[in-house]
Amino acid sequence: MPTFFAKSERRERPRRMRRVDIRYLLYFYLHAAGVLATTLLITWGLFVLAFLMIGGFSVDGLMHQLANLSTRYVTAAPDRIASFRQLIFTSHLLLSSAVLFFRWDSLLPSRESRHG
């Protein structure tokens, strides 16, 4: 005859801890580092492309624009430099977000085994 306390009288087995798959964890972090590195390189490439576009798609024009930017940066006041840094940071953040949005499928590594 079952009693009200029958459930609590049963011995419960200790739950086994799920083992962490270290290989997959390392694979995940390596993949994440690769995604971040390629996103950073793509974003820097977009900045170079923007300067190439401003310079008329020539190396001479690119160098002229970079020289113009560097002389203006060196002679700027500290508040103007802070504004410039904020502009660069914001544009880098927006470009990185756009690149990650379009690379959505490659963000997470697949769980399937590649070695069979």
N, C-alpha and C. Protein backbone atom coordinates (compact mmCIF):
# COMPACT_ATOMS: atom_id res chain seq x y z
N MET A 1 0.83 -1.16 0.00
CA MET A 1 0.00 0.00 0.00
C MET A 1 0.89 1.23 0.00
N PRO A 2 0.77 2.06 -1.02
CA PRO A 2 1.61 3.25 -1.11
C PRO A 2 1.17 4.30 -0.11
N THR A 3 2.12 4.92 0.44
CA THR A 3 1.84 5.98 1.41
C THR A 3 2.10 7.33 0.78
N PHE A 4 1.78 8.34 1.51
CA PHE A 4 1.96 9.71 1.04
C PHE A 4 3.45 10.05 0.92
N PHE A 5 4.25 9.44 1.77
CA PHE A 5 5.68 9.75 1.80
C PHE A 5 6.51 8.76 0.97
N ALA A 6 5.87 7.99 0.14
CA ALA A 6 6.59 6.97 -0.62
C ALA A 6 7.62 7.60 -1.56
N LYS A 7 7.29 8.74 -2.09
CA LYS A 7 8.21 9.37 -3.02
C LYS A 7 9.48 9.84 -2.32
N SER A 8 9.35 10.37 -1.12
CA SER A 8 10.52 10.87 -0.42
C SER A 8 11.34 9.75 0.20
N GLU A 9 10.75 8.57 0.38
CA GLU A 9 11.49 7.46 0.96
C GLU A 9 12.41 6.80 -0.06
N ARG A 10 12.10 7.00 -1.35
CA ARG A 10 12.94 6.40 -2.37
C ARG A 10 14.30 7.06 -2.35
N ARG A 11 15.27 6.24 -2.60
CA ARG A 11 16.62 6.77 -2.72
C ARG A 11 16.80 7.30 -4.12
N GLU A 12 17.19 8.54 -4.18
CA GLU A 12 17.46 9.11 -5.50
C GLU A 12 18.94 8.97 -5.80
N ARG A 13 19.20 8.58 -7.01
CA ARG A 13 20.58 8.46 -7.43
C ARG A 13 21.16 9.86 -7.63
N PRO A 14 22.40 10.02 -7.27
CA PRO A 14 22.99 11.34 -7.53
C PRO A 14 23.08 11.58 -9.03
N ARG A 15 22.74 12.78 -9.40
CA ARG A 15 22.77 13.11 -10.82
C ARG A 15 24.22 13.18 -11.29
N ARG A 16 24.44 12.59 -12.42
CA ARG A 16 25.79 12.65 -12.99
C ARG A 16 25.98 14.00 -13.64
N MET A 17 27.12 14.55 -13.42
CA MET A 17 27.45 15.82 -14.05
C MET A 17 27.69 15.59 -15.53
N ARG A 18 27.18 16.51 -16.33
CA ARG A 18 27.47 16.40 -17.77
C ARG A 18 28.92 16.73 -18.00
N ARG A 19 29.57 15.88 -18.72
CA ARG A 19 30.97 16.11 -19.01
C ARG A 19 31.08 17.15 -20.12
N VAL A 20 31.96 18.06 -19.94
CA VAL A 20 32.18 19.10 -20.93
C VAL A 20 33.13 18.55 -21.99
N ASP A 21 32.73 18.68 -23.23
CA ASP A 21 33.57 18.23 -24.33
C ASP A 21 34.61 19.31 -24.59
N ILE A 22 35.80 19.12 -24.07
CA ILE A 22 36.86 20.10 -24.17
C ILE A 22 37.24 20.34 -25.63
N ARG A 23 37.23 19.28 -26.43
CA ARG A 23 37.59 19.43 -27.83
C ARG A 23 36.63 20.37 -28.55
N TYR A 24 35.33 20.18 -28.30
CA TYR A 24 34.36 21.06 -28.95
C TYR A 24 34.45 22.47 -28.40
N LEU A 25 34.72 22.61 -27.12
CA LEU A 25 34.87 23.94 -26.53
C LEU A 25 36.05 24.68 -27.15
N LEU A 26 37.18 23.99 -27.32
CA LEU A 26 38.33 24.61 -27.99
C LEU A 26 38.02 24.92 -29.45
N TYR A 27 37.29 24.02 -30.11
CA TYR A 27 36.89 24.26 -31.49
C TYR A 27 35.98 25.48 -31.58
N PHE A 28 35.08 25.61 -30.64
CA PHE A 28 34.17 26.76 -30.62
C PHE A 28 34.94 28.06 -30.44
N TYR A 29 35.87 28.11 -29.48
CA TYR A 29 36.63 29.33 -29.24
C TYR A 29 37.57 29.64 -30.41
N LEU A 30 38.13 28.63 -31.03
CA LEU A 30 38.96 28.86 -32.20
C LEU A 30 38.13 29.41 -33.35
N HIS A 31 36.94 28.87 -33.52
CA HIS A 31 36.03 29.36 -34.56
C HIS A 31 35.60 30.80 -34.26
N ALA A 32 35.29 31.10 -33.01
CA ALA A 32 34.89 32.47 -32.63
C ALA A 32 36.03 33.45 -32.86
N ALA A 33 37.25 33.05 -32.53
CA ALA A 33 38.41 33.92 -32.78
C ALA A 33 38.60 34.15 -34.28
N GLY A 34 38.38 33.12 -35.06
CA GLY A 34 38.48 33.27 -36.51
C GLY A 34 37.42 34.20 -37.08
N VAL A 35 36.19 34.08 -36.58
CA VAL A 35 35.12 34.96 -37.04
C VAL A 35 35.42 36.40 -36.66
N LEU A 36 35.88 36.62 -35.44
CA LEU A 36 36.21 37.98 -35.02
C LEU A 36 37.39 38.55 -35.81
N ALA A 37 38.40 37.74 -36.07
CA ALA A 37 39.56 38.22 -36.83
C ALA A 37 39.18 38.56 -38.26
N THR A 38 38.40 37.70 -38.90
CA THR A 38 38.01 38.00 -40.28
C THR A 38 37.06 39.18 -40.34
N THR A 39 36.19 39.33 -39.35
CA THR A 39 35.31 40.50 -39.32
C THR A 39 36.12 41.78 -39.17
N LEU A 40 37.14 41.74 -38.32
CA LEU A 40 38.00 42.90 -38.14
C LEU A 40 38.74 43.24 -39.44
N LEU A 41 39.26 42.22 -40.12
CA LEU A 41 39.96 42.46 -41.37
C LEU A 41 39.03 42.98 -42.47
N ILE A 42 37.81 42.45 -42.53
CA ILE A 42 36.85 42.93 -43.51
C ILE A 42 36.48 44.38 -43.22
N THR A 43 36.31 44.72 -41.95
CA THR A 43 35.96 46.09 -41.60
C THR A 43 37.09 47.05 -41.96
N TRP A 44 38.33 46.68 -41.68
CA TRP A 44 39.47 47.51 -42.07
C TRP A 44 39.55 47.64 -43.59
N GLY A 45 39.24 46.56 -44.28
CA GLY A 45 39.21 46.62 -45.74
C GLY A 45 38.15 47.57 -46.26
N LEU A 46 37.02 47.64 -45.57
CA LEU A 46 35.97 48.58 -45.97
C LEU A 46 36.42 50.03 -45.75
N PHE A 47 37.19 50.28 -44.68
CA PHE A 47 37.74 51.62 -44.48
C PHE A 47 38.72 51.97 -45.60
N VAL A 48 39.58 51.04 -45.97
CA VAL A 48 40.52 51.28 -47.06
C VAL A 48 39.77 51.51 -48.37
N LEU A 49 38.72 50.74 -48.60
CA LEU A 49 37.91 50.92 -49.80
C LEU A 49 37.26 52.30 -49.82
N ALA A 50 36.80 52.77 -48.66
CA ALA A 50 36.21 54.11 -48.58
C ALA A 50 37.25 55.17 -48.94
N PHE A 51 38.46 55.04 -48.42
CA PHE A 51 39.50 56.02 -48.77
C PHE A 51 39.91 55.90 -50.23
N LEU A 52 39.89 54.68 -50.77
CA LEU A 52 40.17 54.53 -52.20
C LEU A 52 39.08 55.21 -53.04
N MET A 53 37.84 55.08 -52.61
CA MET A 53 36.74 55.73 -53.33
C MET A 53 36.88 57.24 -53.27
N ILE A 54 37.22 57.78 -52.10
CA ILE A 54 37.39 59.22 -51.96
C ILE A 54 38.56 59.70 -52.82
N GLY A 55 39.61 58.88 -52.91
CA GLY A 55 40.80 59.24 -53.69
C GLY A 55 40.69 58.93 -55.17
N GLY A 56 39.51 58.57 -55.65
CA GLY A 56 39.33 58.33 -57.08
C GLY A 56 39.87 56.99 -57.54
N PHE A 57 39.90 56.02 -56.67
CA PHE A 57 40.37 54.66 -56.97
C PHE A 57 41.80 54.63 -57.50
N SER A 58 42.64 55.50 -56.95
CA SER A 58 44.06 55.48 -57.30
C SER A 58 44.88 55.53 -56.01
N VAL A 59 46.06 54.98 -56.08
CA VAL A 59 46.93 54.96 -54.90
C VAL A 59 47.38 56.38 -54.55
N ASP A 60 47.64 57.19 -55.57
CA ASP A 60 48.03 58.58 -55.32
C ASP A 60 46.93 59.35 -54.59
N GLY A 61 45.69 59.15 -55.03
CA GLY A 61 44.57 59.81 -54.36
C GLY A 61 44.39 59.31 -52.94
N LEU A 62 44.59 58.00 -52.73
CA LEU A 62 44.50 57.43 -51.39
C LEU A 62 45.54 58.05 -50.46
N MET A 63 46.78 58.14 -50.94
CA MET A 63 47.84 58.73 -50.11
C MET A 63 47.59 60.21 -49.85
N HIS A 64 47.05 60.91 -50.83
CA HIS A 64 46.73 62.32 -50.65
C HIS A 64 45.66 62.49 -49.56
N GLN A 65 44.63 61.64 -49.58
CA GLN A 65 43.57 61.73 -48.58
C GLN A 65 44.09 61.38 -47.19
N LEU A 66 44.94 60.36 -47.11
CA LEU A 66 45.51 59.99 -45.81
C LEU A 66 46.43 61.09 -45.27
N ALA A 67 47.20 61.73 -46.16
CA ALA A 67 48.05 62.84 -45.73
C ALA A 67 47.21 64.01 -45.24
N ASN A 68 46.13 64.29 -45.94
CA ASN A 68 45.22 65.36 -45.53
C ASN A 68 44.60 65.06 -44.16
N LEU A 69 44.17 63.81 -43.98
CA LEU A 69 43.58 63.42 -42.69
C LEU A 69 44.60 63.50 -41.57
N SER A 70 45.82 63.04 -41.82
CA SER A 70 46.82 63.03 -40.75
C SER A 70 47.24 64.45 -40.36
N THR A 71 47.39 65.36 -41.31
CA THR A 71 47.75 66.74 -40.94
C THR A 71 46.63 67.42 -40.16
N ARG A 72 45.40 67.16 -40.53
CA ARG A 72 44.27 67.73 -39.79
C ARG A 72 44.16 67.13 -38.39
N TYR A 73 44.48 65.84 -38.27
CA TYR A 73 44.41 65.18 -36.96
C TYR A 73 45.48 65.72 -36.02
N VAL A 74 46.69 65.92 -36.54
CA VAL A 74 47.80 66.38 -35.70
C VAL A 74 47.56 67.80 -35.20
N THR A 75 46.98 68.66 -36.03
CA THR A 75 46.78 70.06 -35.65
C THR A 75 45.46 70.29 -34.92
N ALA A 76 44.66 69.27 -34.72
CA ALA A 76 43.34 69.46 -34.11
C ALA A 76 43.45 69.66 -32.60
N ALA A 77 42.42 70.30 -32.06
CA ALA A 77 42.31 70.51 -30.61
C ALA A 77 41.90 69.19 -29.96
N PRO A 78 42.12 69.05 -28.65
CA PRO A 78 41.78 67.79 -27.97
C PRO A 78 40.30 67.41 -28.07
N ASP A 79 39.40 68.38 -28.02
CA ASP A 79 37.98 68.03 -28.14
C ASP A 79 37.64 67.55 -29.55
N ARG A 80 38.31 68.09 -30.55
CA ARG A 80 38.11 67.65 -31.93
C ARG A 80 38.68 66.24 -32.13
N ILE A 81 39.81 65.95 -31.49
CA ILE A 81 40.39 64.61 -31.56
C ILE A 81 39.46 63.59 -30.90
N ALA A 82 38.88 63.97 -29.77
CA ALA A 82 37.94 63.07 -29.09
C ALA A 82 36.71 62.82 -29.96
N SER A 83 36.24 63.85 -30.64
CA SER A 83 35.11 63.70 -31.55
C SER A 83 35.46 62.78 -32.72
N PHE A 84 36.68 62.92 -33.24
CA PHE A 84 37.13 62.07 -34.33
C PHE A 84 37.22 60.61 -33.88
N ARG A 85 37.78 60.39 -32.70
CA ARG A 85 37.88 59.01 -32.18
C ARG A 85 36.50 58.40 -31.99
N GLN A 86 35.56 59.19 -31.50
CA GLN A 86 34.20 58.69 -31.31
C GLN A 86 33.56 58.36 -32.67
N LEU A 87 33.81 59.18 -33.67
CA LEU A 87 33.29 58.92 -35.01
C LEU A 87 33.87 57.63 -35.58
N ILE A 88 35.17 57.45 -35.43
CA ILE A 88 35.81 56.23 -35.94
C ILE A 88 35.29 55.00 -35.19
N PHE A 89 35.16 55.10 -33.87
CA PHE A 89 34.66 53.98 -33.07
C PHE A 89 33.23 53.62 -33.48
N THR A 90 32.38 54.63 -33.64
CA THR A 90 30.98 54.38 -34.00
C THR A 90 30.88 53.77 -35.40
N SER A 91 31.63 54.32 -36.34
CA SER A 91 31.57 53.77 -37.69
C SER A 91 32.14 52.35 -37.74
N HIS A 92 33.18 52.08 -36.97
CA HIS A 92 33.73 50.72 -36.91
C HIS A 92 32.71 49.76 -36.30
N LEU A 93 32.02 50.19 -35.27
CA LEU A 93 30.99 49.36 -34.64
C LEU A 93 29.84 49.07 -35.61
N LEU A 94 29.40 50.08 -36.35
CA LEU A 94 28.31 49.88 -37.30
C LEU A 94 28.74 48.98 -38.46
N LEU A 95 29.94 49.19 -38.98
CA LEU A 95 30.42 48.33 -40.06
C LEU A 95 30.60 46.89 -39.59
N SER A 96 31.14 46.71 -38.39
CA SER A 96 31.32 45.35 -37.86
C SER A 96 29.97 44.67 -37.65
N SER A 97 28.99 45.41 -37.17
CA SER A 97 27.65 44.84 -36.99
C SER A 97 27.04 44.45 -38.33
N ALA A 98 27.22 45.28 -39.34
CA ALA A 98 26.70 44.96 -40.67
C ALA A 98 27.39 43.73 -41.24
N VAL A 99 28.70 43.64 -41.08
CA VAL A 99 29.43 42.47 -41.59
C VAL A 99 28.98 41.21 -40.86
N LEU A 100 28.83 41.28 -39.54
CA LEU A 100 28.37 40.11 -38.79
C LEU A 100 26.94 39.73 -39.16
N PHE A 101 26.11 40.72 -39.49
CA PHE A 101 24.74 40.42 -39.91
C PHE A 101 24.76 39.63 -41.21
N PHE A 102 25.59 40.03 -42.15
CA PHE A 102 25.64 39.34 -43.43
C PHE A 102 26.41 38.02 -43.35
N ARG A 103 27.18 37.81 -42.30
CA ARG A 103 27.89 36.55 -42.09
C ARG A 103 27.18 35.68 -41.05
N TRP A 104 25.90 35.87 -40.89
CA TRP A 104 25.12 35.21 -39.84
C TRP A 104 25.28 33.70 -39.85
N ASP A 105 25.33 33.09 -41.03
CA ASP A 105 25.41 31.63 -41.12
C ASP A 105 26.74 31.07 -40.62
N SER A 106 27.78 31.87 -40.63
CA SER A 106 29.09 31.36 -40.22
C SER A 106 29.45 31.72 -38.78
N LEU A 107 28.49 32.23 -38.01
CA LEU A 107 28.82 32.62 -36.64
C LEU A 107 29.06 31.43 -35.73
N LEU A 108 28.18 30.44 -35.78
CA LEU A 108 28.33 29.28 -34.91
C LEU A 108 28.89 28.10 -35.69
N PRO A 109 29.81 27.37 -35.11
CA PRO A 109 30.35 26.19 -35.80
C PRO A 109 29.33 25.07 -35.82
N SER A 110 29.46 24.18 -36.78
CA SER A 110 28.54 23.06 -36.87
C SER A 110 28.94 21.99 -35.85
N ARG A 111 27.94 21.23 -35.38
CA ARG A 111 28.21 20.17 -34.40
C ARG A 111 28.58 18.86 -35.06
N GLU A 112 28.40 18.76 -36.36
CA GLU A 112 28.68 17.48 -37.01
C GLU A 112 30.18 17.25 -37.12
N SER A 113 30.53 16.00 -37.07
CA SER A 113 31.94 15.63 -37.13
C SER A 113 32.45 15.73 -38.56
N ARG A 114 33.62 16.29 -38.74
CA ARG A 114 34.18 16.41 -40.07
C ARG A 114 35.14 15.25 -40.36
N HIS A 115 35.48 14.49 -39.35
CA HIS A 115 36.46 13.42 -39.55
C HIS A 115 35.83 12.05 -39.65
N GLY A 116 34.52 11.98 -39.49
CA GLY A 116 33.82 10.73 -39.68
C GLY A 116 33.77 9.83 -38.51
